Amino acid sequence: MSESTTQHNHAELAAKIALLAQEKGWNQEDFANIAGLNRQTIRQILHPTGDRRLRNATIAACAKALGLSVRELWEVPVERLLQRLRQPPPPVNGDDKLHRLYQQATQPELRAWLERNPERSRQLTDEEIEELLSLQGEALNAIGVETFVSKLERRRNLMEQVRVVANSELLDTLETLVDLMYNKIAPYRDGV
């Protein structure tokens, strides 16, 4: 195979990877984190600036991140791969909550996060799910799904810790601490 043909094939493969990542709803940072590649490498895949040959390790990392084998990534037409990505995952162990959440998720980035994180998805409360779904679109893109869900998880854990402390002999201390913090943010919360 000539060098020109190889470069052309790698350019086509990079374009295929970029389309699949776009379908997953991944931004450059998400894709880099999921694939375990540096952002510069991902930027060159998503926004090619010339004929650049992809390394085998890079192709393998991209395939794994996309849930594909290297062979599938090279050989299966992009239309079939896109169709496969658009199929909702089946309920896991009869988990209707996760399936419903996936059905209501219209944003590809959110769907991709749900596919990658079924256990964390199951732990979301109904209130957290509503909050997550209500932010779909520009707001969730700006924040990032992983960042927002991590914040929800931190908040849930903190509330559990507060509940435990509130049921202890430290209730008075907790109340004083919460009052101090609340009074500190109250002017900003009230728009003063």
N, C-alpha and C. Protein backbone atom coordinates (compact mmCIF):
# COMPACT_ATOMS: atom_id res chain seq x y z
N MET A 1 0.85 -1.18 0.00
CA MET A 1 0.00 0.00 0.00
C MET A 1 0.89 1.24 0.00
N SER A 2 0.60 2.18 -0.85
CA SER A 2 1.43 3.38 -0.96
C SER A 2 1.21 4.29 0.24
N GLU A 3 2.18 5.16 0.47
CA GLU A 3 2.09 6.13 1.57
C GLU A 3 0.88 7.03 1.40
N SER A 4 0.60 7.43 0.16
CA SER A 4 -0.55 8.28 -0.14
C SER A 4 -1.86 7.58 0.22
N THR A 5 -1.98 6.28 -0.12
CA THR A 5 -3.19 5.51 0.19
C THR A 5 -3.35 5.35 1.70
N THR A 6 -2.24 5.08 2.38
CA THR A 6 -2.27 4.93 3.83
C THR A 6 -2.75 6.22 4.49
N GLN A 7 -2.21 7.36 4.07
CA GLN A 7 -2.62 8.64 4.63
C GLN A 7 -4.09 8.90 4.36
N HIS A 8 -4.53 8.56 3.14
CA HIS A 8 -5.93 8.75 2.80
C HIS A 8 -6.82 7.89 3.70
N ASN A 9 -6.44 6.62 3.91
CA ASN A 9 -7.20 5.72 4.78
C ASN A 9 -7.24 6.24 6.21
N HIS A 10 -6.13 6.77 6.69
CA HIS A 10 -6.09 7.31 8.04
C HIS A 10 -6.93 8.58 8.16
N ALA A 11 -6.96 9.37 7.11
CA ALA A 11 -7.81 10.57 7.11
C ALA A 11 -9.29 10.16 7.16
N GLU A 12 -9.65 9.14 6.40
CA GLU A 12 -11.03 8.63 6.43
C GLU A 12 -11.38 8.05 7.80
N LEU A 13 -10.43 7.33 8.39
CA LEU A 13 -10.66 6.76 9.71
C LEU A 13 -10.82 7.86 10.75
N ALA A 14 -10.01 8.89 10.69
CA ALA A 14 -10.12 10.02 11.62
C ALA A 14 -11.49 10.68 11.47
N ALA A 15 -11.95 10.84 10.23
CA ALA A 15 -13.28 11.42 9.99
C ALA A 15 -14.38 10.53 10.57
N LYS A 16 -14.22 9.22 10.44
CA LYS A 16 -15.20 8.27 11.00
C LYS A 16 -15.22 8.37 12.52
N ILE A 17 -14.03 8.41 13.13
CA ILE A 17 -13.94 8.53 14.60
C ILE A 17 -14.59 9.83 15.06
N ALA A 18 -14.33 10.91 14.33
CA ALA A 18 -14.90 12.21 14.70
C ALA A 18 -16.43 12.17 14.65
N LEU A 19 -17.00 11.54 13.61
CA LEU A 19 -18.46 11.41 13.51
C LEU A 19 -19.03 10.60 14.66
N LEU A 20 -18.37 9.50 15.00
CA LEU A 20 -18.84 8.64 16.08
C LEU A 20 -18.76 9.36 17.43
N ALA A 21 -17.68 10.10 17.64
CA ALA A 21 -17.54 10.86 18.88
C ALA A 21 -18.61 11.95 18.96
N GLN A 22 -18.90 12.58 17.83
CA GLN A 22 -19.95 13.59 17.78
C GLN A 22 -21.30 12.97 18.12
N GLU A 23 -21.57 11.79 17.58
CA GLU A 23 -22.83 11.10 17.86
C GLU A 23 -22.95 10.76 19.34
N LYS A 24 -21.83 10.44 19.96
CA LYS A 24 -21.82 10.14 21.40
C LYS A 24 -22.03 11.41 22.21
N GLY A 25 -21.84 12.57 21.57
CA GLY A 25 -22.02 13.83 22.28
C GLY A 25 -20.79 14.25 23.06
N TRP A 26 -19.64 13.69 22.70
CA TRP A 26 -18.42 14.00 23.42
C TRP A 26 -17.77 15.27 22.91
N ASN A 27 -17.39 16.13 23.83
CA ASN A 27 -16.55 17.25 23.43
C ASN A 27 -15.10 16.76 23.47
N GLN A 28 -14.18 17.59 23.12
CA GLN A 28 -12.78 17.20 23.03
C GLN A 28 -12.25 16.68 24.37
N GLU A 29 -12.60 17.36 25.45
CA GLU A 29 -12.11 16.96 26.77
C GLU A 29 -12.71 15.62 27.20
N ASP A 30 -14.02 15.45 26.98
CA ASP A 30 -14.66 14.18 27.32
C ASP A 30 -13.99 13.03 26.57
N PHE A 31 -13.82 13.20 25.27
CA PHE A 31 -13.24 12.16 24.44
C PHE A 31 -11.82 11.82 24.91
N ALA A 32 -11.03 12.84 25.21
CA ALA A 32 -9.66 12.61 25.69
C ALA A 32 -9.67 11.81 26.99
N ASN A 33 -10.54 12.18 27.90
CA ASN A 33 -10.62 11.47 29.19
C ASN A 33 -11.08 10.03 29.01
N ILE A 34 -12.10 9.83 28.21
CA ILE A 34 -12.67 8.50 28.01
C ILE A 34 -11.67 7.59 27.29
N ALA A 35 -10.98 8.13 26.30
CA ALA A 35 -10.04 7.33 25.51
C ALA A 35 -8.67 7.21 26.17
N GLY A 36 -8.42 8.04 27.16
CA GLY A 36 -7.11 8.02 27.80
C GLY A 36 -6.02 8.57 26.91
N LEU A 37 -6.40 9.52 26.07
CA LEU A 37 -5.45 10.16 25.15
C LEU A 37 -5.31 11.62 25.51
N ASN A 38 -4.23 12.25 25.08
CA ASN A 38 -4.09 13.67 25.39
C ASN A 38 -4.99 14.50 24.46
N ARG A 39 -5.29 15.69 24.90
CA ARG A 39 -6.23 16.54 24.17
C ARG A 39 -5.71 16.94 22.80
N GLN A 40 -4.40 17.08 22.68
CA GLN A 40 -3.80 17.45 21.38
C GLN A 40 -4.08 16.35 20.35
N THR A 41 -3.93 15.10 20.74
CA THR A 41 -4.20 13.99 19.84
C THR A 41 -5.67 13.99 19.42
N ILE A 42 -6.56 14.18 20.39
CA ILE A 42 -7.99 14.21 20.09
C ILE A 42 -8.33 15.40 19.19
N ARG A 43 -7.72 16.54 19.45
CA ARG A 43 -7.97 17.72 18.60
C ARG A 43 -7.57 17.43 17.16
N GLN A 44 -6.45 16.72 16.96
CA GLN A 44 -6.01 16.40 15.60
C GLN A 44 -6.95 15.41 14.92
N ILE A 45 -7.61 14.56 15.70
CA ILE A 45 -8.59 13.64 15.12
C ILE A 45 -9.88 14.38 14.77
N LEU A 46 -10.34 15.19 15.71
CA LEU A 46 -11.62 15.89 15.52
C LEU A 46 -11.52 17.05 14.53
N HIS A 47 -10.36 17.66 14.45
CA HIS A 47 -10.16 18.81 13.56
C HIS A 47 -8.85 18.63 12.80
N PRO A 48 -8.83 17.70 11.84
CA PRO A 48 -7.57 17.44 11.13
C PRO A 48 -7.11 18.65 10.34
N THR A 49 -5.80 18.87 10.38
CA THR A 49 -5.23 20.02 9.67
C THR A 49 -4.31 19.59 8.54
N GLY A 50 -4.32 18.33 8.23
CA GLY A 50 -3.46 17.84 7.15
C GLY A 50 -3.44 16.32 7.17
N ASP A 51 -2.57 15.77 6.39
CA ASP A 51 -2.44 14.31 6.34
C ASP A 51 -1.59 13.86 7.51
N ARG A 52 -2.23 13.28 8.48
CA ARG A 52 -1.52 12.78 9.65
C ARG A 52 -1.90 11.32 9.84
N ARG A 53 -0.91 10.50 9.96
CA ARG A 53 -1.13 9.08 10.16
C ARG A 53 -1.43 8.82 11.63
N LEU A 54 -2.51 8.10 11.89
CA LEU A 54 -2.86 7.74 13.26
C LEU A 54 -2.03 6.56 13.73
N ARG A 55 -1.55 6.63 14.94
CA ARG A 55 -0.78 5.51 15.50
C ARG A 55 -1.74 4.39 15.88
N ASN A 56 -1.24 3.15 15.84
CA ASN A 56 -2.07 2.00 16.19
C ASN A 56 -2.62 2.10 17.60
N ALA A 57 -1.82 2.59 18.53
CA ALA A 57 -2.27 2.73 19.92
C ALA A 57 -3.41 3.75 20.00
N THR A 58 -3.34 4.80 19.21
CA THR A 58 -4.40 5.82 19.19
C THR A 58 -5.69 5.23 18.64
N ILE A 59 -5.58 4.48 17.56
CA ILE A 59 -6.75 3.83 16.95
C ILE A 59 -7.38 2.87 17.95
N ALA A 60 -6.56 2.08 18.63
CA ALA A 60 -7.06 1.11 19.61
C ALA A 60 -7.76 1.82 20.78
N ALA A 61 -7.19 2.92 21.25
CA ALA A 61 -7.81 3.67 22.36
C ALA A 61 -9.15 4.27 21.93
N CYS A 62 -9.21 4.78 20.71
CA CYS A 62 -10.47 5.35 20.21
C CYS A 62 -11.53 4.26 20.06
N ALA A 63 -11.13 3.12 19.52
CA ALA A 63 -12.06 2.00 19.33
C ALA A 63 -12.62 1.56 20.68
N LYS A 64 -11.75 1.40 21.65
CA LYS A 64 -12.19 0.96 22.98
C LYS A 64 -13.16 1.98 23.59
N ALA A 65 -12.84 3.25 23.49
CA ALA A 65 -13.71 4.30 24.03
C ALA A 65 -15.09 4.26 23.38
N LEU A 66 -15.12 3.94 22.10
CA LEU A 66 -16.39 3.90 21.36
C LEU A 66 -17.12 2.57 21.52
N GLY A 67 -16.51 1.63 22.25
CA GLY A 67 -17.13 0.33 22.45
C GLY A 67 -17.03 -0.57 21.24
N LEU A 68 -15.98 -0.40 20.46
CA LEU A 68 -15.79 -1.15 19.22
C LEU A 68 -14.44 -1.86 19.24
N SER A 69 -14.32 -2.85 18.38
CA SER A 69 -13.01 -3.44 18.15
C SER A 69 -12.30 -2.59 17.10
N VAL A 70 -10.99 -2.74 17.03
CA VAL A 70 -10.23 -2.01 16.01
C VAL A 70 -10.71 -2.44 14.63
N ARG A 71 -10.96 -3.71 14.48
CA ARG A 71 -11.43 -4.22 13.18
C ARG A 71 -12.77 -3.59 12.80
N GLU A 72 -13.70 -3.52 13.76
CA GLU A 72 -15.00 -2.88 13.46
C GLU A 72 -14.80 -1.43 13.06
N LEU A 73 -13.94 -0.73 13.78
CA LEU A 73 -13.70 0.67 13.48
C LEU A 73 -13.16 0.85 12.06
N TRP A 74 -12.27 -0.03 11.62
CA TRP A 74 -11.72 0.05 10.28
C TRP A 74 -12.72 -0.40 9.22
N GLU A 75 -13.46 -1.49 9.48
CA GLU A 75 -14.19 -2.16 8.41
C GLU A 75 -15.68 -1.89 8.32
N VAL A 76 -16.35 -1.65 9.43
CA VAL A 76 -17.80 -1.46 9.39
C VAL A 76 -18.11 -0.04 8.90
N PRO A 77 -19.00 0.09 7.93
CA PRO A 77 -19.34 1.42 7.41
C PRO A 77 -19.88 2.34 8.53
N VAL A 78 -19.53 3.58 8.42
CA VAL A 78 -19.90 4.54 9.47
C VAL A 78 -21.42 4.61 9.67
N GLU A 79 -22.20 4.45 8.61
CA GLU A 79 -23.66 4.50 8.74
C GLU A 79 -24.16 3.41 9.69
N ARG A 80 -23.59 2.20 9.58
CA ARG A 80 -23.99 1.10 10.46
C ARG A 80 -23.55 1.34 11.90
N LEU A 81 -22.38 1.91 12.05
CA LEU A 81 -21.90 2.21 13.41
C LEU A 81 -22.75 3.30 14.05
N LEU A 82 -23.11 4.31 13.27
CA LEU A 82 -23.97 5.37 13.80
C LEU A 82 -25.33 4.81 14.20
N GLN A 83 -25.87 3.93 13.38
CA GLN A 83 -27.16 3.30 13.68
C GLN A 83 -27.07 2.50 14.98
N ARG A 84 -25.97 1.80 15.16
CA ARG A 84 -25.78 1.02 16.38
C ARG A 84 -25.72 1.94 17.61
N LEU A 85 -25.04 3.06 17.48
CA LEU A 85 -24.92 4.00 18.60
C LEU A 85 -26.26 4.62 18.97
N ARG A 86 -27.15 4.73 18.01
CA ARG A 86 -28.46 5.37 18.26
C ARG A 86 -29.45 4.44 18.93
N GLN A 87 -29.13 3.16 19.00
CA GLN A 87 -30.03 2.20 19.64
C GLN A 87 -29.94 2.36 21.15
N PRO A 88 -31.08 2.47 21.84
CA PRO A 88 -31.01 2.57 23.30
C PRO A 88 -30.53 1.25 23.89
N PRO A 89 -29.77 1.33 24.96
CA PRO A 89 -29.32 0.09 25.56
C PRO A 89 -30.50 -0.63 26.21
N PRO A 90 -30.47 -1.95 26.25
CA PRO A 90 -31.56 -2.67 26.90
C PRO A 90 -31.51 -2.42 28.41
N PRO A 91 -32.65 -2.56 29.08
CA PRO A 91 -32.62 -2.39 30.53
C PRO A 91 -31.65 -3.40 31.15
N VAL A 92 -30.88 -2.94 32.11
CA VAL A 92 -29.92 -3.81 32.79
C VAL A 92 -30.62 -4.45 33.97
N ASN A 93 -30.68 -5.78 33.96
CA ASN A 93 -31.33 -6.53 35.04
C ASN A 93 -32.73 -5.98 35.33
N GLY A 94 -33.47 -5.70 34.28
CA GLY A 94 -34.83 -5.20 34.46
C GLY A 94 -34.89 -3.80 35.04
N ASP A 95 -33.83 -3.02 34.88
CA ASP A 95 -33.76 -1.68 35.47
C ASP A 95 -34.53 -0.69 34.61
N ASP A 96 -35.82 -0.55 34.92
CA ASP A 96 -36.67 0.35 34.14
C ASP A 96 -36.30 1.81 34.33
N LYS A 97 -35.81 2.17 35.53
CA LYS A 97 -35.46 3.56 35.81
C LYS A 97 -34.36 4.02 34.86
N LEU A 98 -33.32 3.22 34.70
CA LEU A 98 -32.22 3.57 33.82
C LEU A 98 -32.69 3.63 32.37
N HIS A 99 -33.54 2.71 31.97
CA HIS A 99 -34.06 2.69 30.61
C HIS A 99 -34.91 3.94 30.33
N ARG A 100 -35.78 4.30 31.28
CA ARG A 100 -36.60 5.52 31.12
C ARG A 100 -35.72 6.77 31.04
N LEU A 101 -34.70 6.82 31.89
CA LEU A 101 -33.79 7.96 31.88
C LEU A 101 -33.12 8.08 30.51
N TYR A 102 -32.67 6.96 29.97
CA TYR A 102 -32.03 6.97 28.66
C TYR A 102 -33.01 7.43 27.59
N GLN A 103 -34.26 6.99 27.66
CA GLN A 103 -35.27 7.36 26.68
C GLN A 103 -35.55 8.87 26.71
N GLN A 104 -35.51 9.46 27.90
CA GLN A 104 -35.80 10.89 28.02
C GLN A 104 -34.60 11.76 27.73
N ALA A 105 -33.42 11.16 27.69
CA ALA A 105 -32.21 11.91 27.39
C ALA A 105 -32.13 12.14 25.89
N THR A 106 -32.28 13.38 25.48
CA THR A 106 -32.24 13.71 24.06
C THR A 106 -30.86 14.18 23.62
N GLN A 107 -30.04 14.58 24.57
CA GLN A 107 -28.72 15.10 24.26
C GLN A 107 -27.72 13.94 24.13
N PRO A 108 -27.02 13.85 23.00
CA PRO A 108 -26.10 12.72 22.80
C PRO A 108 -25.04 12.60 23.90
N GLU A 109 -24.53 13.73 24.39
CA GLU A 109 -23.52 13.68 25.45
C GLU A 109 -24.08 13.02 26.71
N LEU A 110 -25.32 13.31 27.03
CA LEU A 110 -25.95 12.71 28.20
C LEU A 110 -26.17 11.22 27.98
N ARG A 111 -26.64 10.85 26.79
CA ARG A 111 -26.84 9.43 26.48
C ARG A 111 -25.53 8.66 26.59
N ALA A 112 -24.47 9.24 26.06
CA ALA A 112 -23.16 8.58 26.11
C ALA A 112 -22.70 8.40 27.55
N TRP A 113 -22.92 9.43 28.39
CA TRP A 113 -22.53 9.32 29.80
C TRP A 113 -23.32 8.20 30.47
N LEU A 114 -24.62 8.10 30.19
CA LEU A 114 -25.46 7.06 30.78
C LEU A 114 -24.97 5.67 30.38
N GLU A 115 -24.57 5.52 29.12
CA GLU A 115 -24.06 4.23 28.64
C GLU A 115 -22.78 3.85 29.35
N ARG A 116 -21.91 4.83 29.59
CA ARG A 116 -20.63 4.55 30.23
C ARG A 116 -20.74 4.36 31.73
N ASN A 117 -21.80 4.87 32.33
CA ASN A 117 -21.91 4.90 33.79
C ASN A 117 -23.24 4.35 34.29
N PRO A 118 -23.58 3.10 33.97
CA PRO A 118 -24.89 2.58 34.39
C PRO A 118 -25.05 2.52 35.92
N GLU A 119 -23.99 2.19 36.65
CA GLU A 119 -24.11 2.10 38.11
C GLU A 119 -24.37 3.48 38.72
N ARG A 120 -23.62 4.47 38.28
CA ARG A 120 -23.84 5.83 38.81
C ARG A 120 -25.21 6.34 38.39
N SER A 121 -25.65 5.98 37.19
CA SER A 121 -26.97 6.41 36.72
C SER A 121 -28.08 5.87 37.61
N ARG A 122 -27.93 4.61 38.03
CA ARG A 122 -28.95 3.98 38.88
C ARG A 122 -29.05 4.65 40.25
N GLN A 123 -27.97 5.26 40.70
CA GLN A 123 -27.96 5.89 42.01
C GLN A 123 -28.60 7.27 42.02
N LEU A 124 -28.86 7.83 40.85
CA LEU A 124 -29.49 9.15 40.79
C LEU A 124 -30.90 9.08 41.37
N THR A 125 -31.24 10.07 42.18
CA THR A 125 -32.59 10.14 42.73
C THR A 125 -33.52 10.71 41.67
N ASP A 126 -34.82 10.57 41.89
CA ASP A 126 -35.79 11.13 40.94
C ASP A 126 -35.60 12.63 40.78
N GLU A 127 -35.32 13.32 41.89
CA GLU A 127 -35.10 14.77 41.85
C GLU A 127 -33.85 15.11 41.03
N GLU A 128 -32.78 14.34 41.21
CA GLU A 128 -31.55 14.57 40.46
C GLU A 128 -31.76 14.30 38.97
N ILE A 129 -32.52 13.28 38.67
CA ILE A 129 -32.83 12.96 37.26
C ILE A 129 -33.57 14.12 36.61
N GLU A 130 -34.57 14.64 37.31
CA GLU A 130 -35.33 15.78 36.77
C GLU A 130 -34.42 16.98 36.54
N GLU A 131 -33.54 17.24 37.48
CA GLU A 131 -32.61 18.36 37.35
C GLU A 131 -31.68 18.16 36.16
N LEU A 132 -31.17 16.95 36.00
CA LEU A 132 -30.28 16.63 34.90
C LEU A 132 -30.98 16.77 33.55
N LEU A 133 -32.18 16.21 33.45
CA LEU A 133 -32.93 16.30 32.20
C LEU A 133 -33.32 17.72 31.86
N SER A 134 -33.61 18.53 32.88
CA SER A 134 -34.03 19.91 32.62
C SER A 134 -32.91 20.78 32.08
N LEU A 135 -31.66 20.36 32.28
CA LEU A 135 -30.51 21.15 31.81
C LEU A 135 -30.03 20.76 30.42
N GLN A 136 -30.68 19.78 29.78
CA GLN A 136 -30.22 19.34 28.47
C GLN A 136 -30.16 20.53 27.51
N GLY A 137 -29.14 20.53 26.69
CA GLY A 137 -28.96 21.60 25.71
C GLY A 137 -27.73 22.41 26.05
N GLU A 138 -27.83 23.70 25.82
CA GLU A 138 -26.69 24.60 26.00
C GLU A 138 -26.15 24.57 27.42
N ALA A 139 -27.04 24.58 28.42
CA ALA A 139 -26.60 24.61 29.82
C ALA A 139 -25.76 23.39 30.15
N LEU A 140 -26.23 22.21 29.78
CA LEU A 140 -25.49 20.99 30.09
C LEU A 140 -24.21 20.89 29.27
N ASN A 141 -24.22 21.39 28.04
CA ASN A 141 -23.00 21.43 27.24
C ASN A 141 -21.95 22.30 27.89
N ALA A 142 -22.38 23.45 28.42
CA ALA A 142 -21.45 24.39 29.04
C ALA A 142 -20.82 23.80 30.30
N ILE A 143 -21.63 23.11 31.09
CA ILE A 143 -21.15 22.53 32.35
C ILE A 143 -20.40 21.23 32.09
N GLY A 144 -20.97 20.40 31.24
CA GLY A 144 -20.44 19.05 31.00
C GLY A 144 -21.19 18.06 31.87
N VAL A 145 -21.59 16.94 31.31
CA VAL A 145 -22.38 15.96 32.04
C VAL A 145 -21.61 15.42 33.24
N GLU A 146 -20.36 15.03 33.03
CA GLU A 146 -19.57 14.46 34.13
C GLU A 146 -19.44 15.45 35.28
N THR A 147 -19.15 16.69 34.97
CA THR A 147 -19.01 17.72 36.00
C THR A 147 -20.31 17.90 36.76
N PHE A 148 -21.43 17.94 36.04
CA PHE A 148 -22.71 18.17 36.71
C PHE A 148 -23.11 16.97 37.57
N VAL A 149 -22.95 15.77 37.05
CA VAL A 149 -23.31 14.58 37.84
C VAL A 149 -22.41 14.47 39.06
N SER A 150 -21.13 14.79 38.91
CA SER A 150 -20.22 14.77 40.06
C SER A 150 -20.69 15.74 41.14
N LYS A 151 -21.19 16.89 40.70
CA LYS A 151 -21.72 17.87 41.66
C LYS A 151 -22.96 17.31 42.36
N LEU A 152 -23.85 16.66 41.61
CA LEU A 152 -25.03 16.03 42.21
C LEU A 152 -24.62 14.98 43.25
N GLU A 153 -23.62 14.18 42.90
CA GLU A 153 -23.15 13.14 43.82
C GLU A 153 -22.53 13.74 45.08
N ARG A 154 -21.73 14.79 44.90
CA ARG A 154 -21.14 15.47 46.07
C ARG A 154 -22.23 16.03 46.96
N ARG A 155 -23.23 16.64 46.34
CA ARG A 155 -24.32 17.23 47.12
C ARG A 155 -25.08 16.15 47.89
N ARG A 156 -25.35 15.00 47.22
CA ARG A 156 -26.05 13.89 47.87
C ARG A 156 -25.25 13.37 49.06
N ASN A 157 -23.94 13.19 48.87
CA ASN A 157 -23.08 12.72 49.96
C ASN A 157 -23.02 13.71 51.11
N LEU A 158 -22.94 14.98 50.77
CA LEU A 158 -22.90 16.02 51.80
C LEU A 158 -24.21 16.04 52.60
N MET A 159 -25.32 15.92 51.91
CA MET A 159 -26.61 15.92 52.61
C MET A 159 -26.73 14.73 53.56
N GLU A 160 -26.19 13.59 53.16
CA GLU A 160 -26.18 12.41 54.03
C GLU A 160 -25.31 12.66 55.26
N GLN A 161 -24.17 13.28 55.07
CA GLN A 161 -23.30 13.60 56.20
C GLN A 161 -23.96 14.60 57.14
N VAL A 162 -24.63 15.60 56.58
CA VAL A 162 -25.35 16.58 57.41
C VAL A 162 -26.45 15.88 58.21
N ARG A 163 -27.15 14.95 57.58
CA ARG A 163 -28.22 14.22 58.28
C ARG A 163 -27.65 13.45 59.47
N VAL A 164 -26.50 12.81 59.27
CA VAL A 164 -25.87 12.05 60.35
C VAL A 164 -25.45 12.99 61.49
N VAL A 165 -24.79 14.10 61.13
CA VAL A 165 -24.35 15.05 62.16
C VAL A 165 -25.55 15.67 62.87
N ALA A 166 -26.63 15.95 62.13
CA ALA A 166 -27.83 16.56 62.73
C ALA A 166 -28.48 15.63 63.75
N ASN A 167 -28.25 14.33 63.63
CA ASN A 167 -28.82 13.37 64.58
C ASN A 167 -27.83 13.01 65.69
N SER A 168 -26.81 13.85 65.87
CA SER A 168 -25.81 13.60 66.90
C SER A 168 -25.80 14.74 67.91
N GLU A 169 -24.88 14.62 68.88
CA GLU A 169 -24.75 15.68 69.89
C GLU A 169 -24.14 16.95 69.32
N LEU A 170 -23.75 16.93 68.05
CA LEU A 170 -23.15 18.10 67.40
C LEU A 170 -24.17 18.96 66.67
N LEU A 171 -25.44 18.76 66.94
CA LEU A 171 -26.49 19.53 66.26
C LEU A 171 -26.31 21.03 66.45
N ASP A 172 -26.02 21.48 67.68
CA ASP A 172 -25.85 22.92 67.92
C ASP A 172 -24.69 23.48 67.10
N THR A 173 -23.58 22.75 67.04
CA THR A 173 -22.42 23.20 66.26
C THR A 173 -22.76 23.25 64.78
N LEU A 174 -23.46 22.23 64.29
CA LEU A 174 -23.87 22.21 62.89
C LEU A 174 -24.77 23.39 62.59
N GLU A 175 -25.72 23.66 63.46
CA GLU A 175 -26.64 24.77 63.25
C GLU A 175 -25.90 26.10 63.18
N THR A 176 -24.93 26.32 64.06
CA THR A 176 -24.14 27.55 64.06
C THR A 176 -23.35 27.67 62.76
N LEU A 177 -22.72 26.58 62.36
CA LEU A 177 -21.92 26.58 61.13
C LEU A 177 -22.79 26.86 59.90
N VAL A 178 -23.94 26.20 59.83
CA VAL A 178 -24.84 26.41 58.69
C VAL A 178 -25.37 27.84 58.68
N ASP A 179 -25.72 28.38 59.84
CA ASP A 179 -26.19 29.78 59.92
C ASP A 179 -25.13 30.75 59.41
N LEU A 180 -23.87 30.54 59.81
CA LEU A 180 -22.78 31.41 59.35
C LEU A 180 -22.64 31.36 57.83
N MET A 181 -22.64 30.16 57.28
CA MET A 181 -22.50 30.02 55.82
C MET A 181 -23.71 30.58 55.10
N TYR A 182 -24.89 30.33 55.61
CA TYR A 182 -26.11 30.82 54.97
C TYR A 182 -26.14 32.34 54.95
N ASN A 183 -25.78 32.95 56.06
CA ASN A 183 -25.78 34.42 56.14
C ASN A 183 -24.71 35.02 55.23
N LYS A 184 -23.65 34.26 54.97
CA LYS A 184 -22.60 34.73 54.07
C LYS A 184 -23.09 34.78 52.62
N ILE A 185 -23.90 33.80 52.21
CA ILE A 185 -24.37 33.77 50.81
C ILE A 185 -25.74 34.40 50.61
N ALA A 186 -26.48 34.65 51.68
CA ALA A 186 -27.83 35.20 51.57
C ALA A 186 -27.92 36.46 50.74
N PRO A 187 -27.01 37.45 50.92
CA PRO A 187 -27.11 38.66 50.08
C PRO A 187 -26.98 38.35 48.58
N TYR A 188 -26.13 37.38 48.22
CA TYR A 188 -25.94 37.04 46.81
C TYR A 188 -27.15 36.27 46.30
N ARG A 189 -27.68 35.39 47.14
CA ARG A 189 -28.84 34.59 46.75
C ARG A 189 -30.06 35.47 46.55
N ASP A 190 -30.19 36.48 47.37
CA ASP A 190 -31.36 37.36 47.30
C ASP A 190 -31.16 38.50 46.27
N GLY A 191 -30.00 38.51 45.60
CA GLY A 191 -29.77 39.50 44.54
C GLY A 191 -29.40 40.86 45.06
N VAL A 192 -28.94 40.96 46.29
CA VAL A 192 -28.55 42.24 46.87
C VAL A 192 -27.14 42.55 46.49
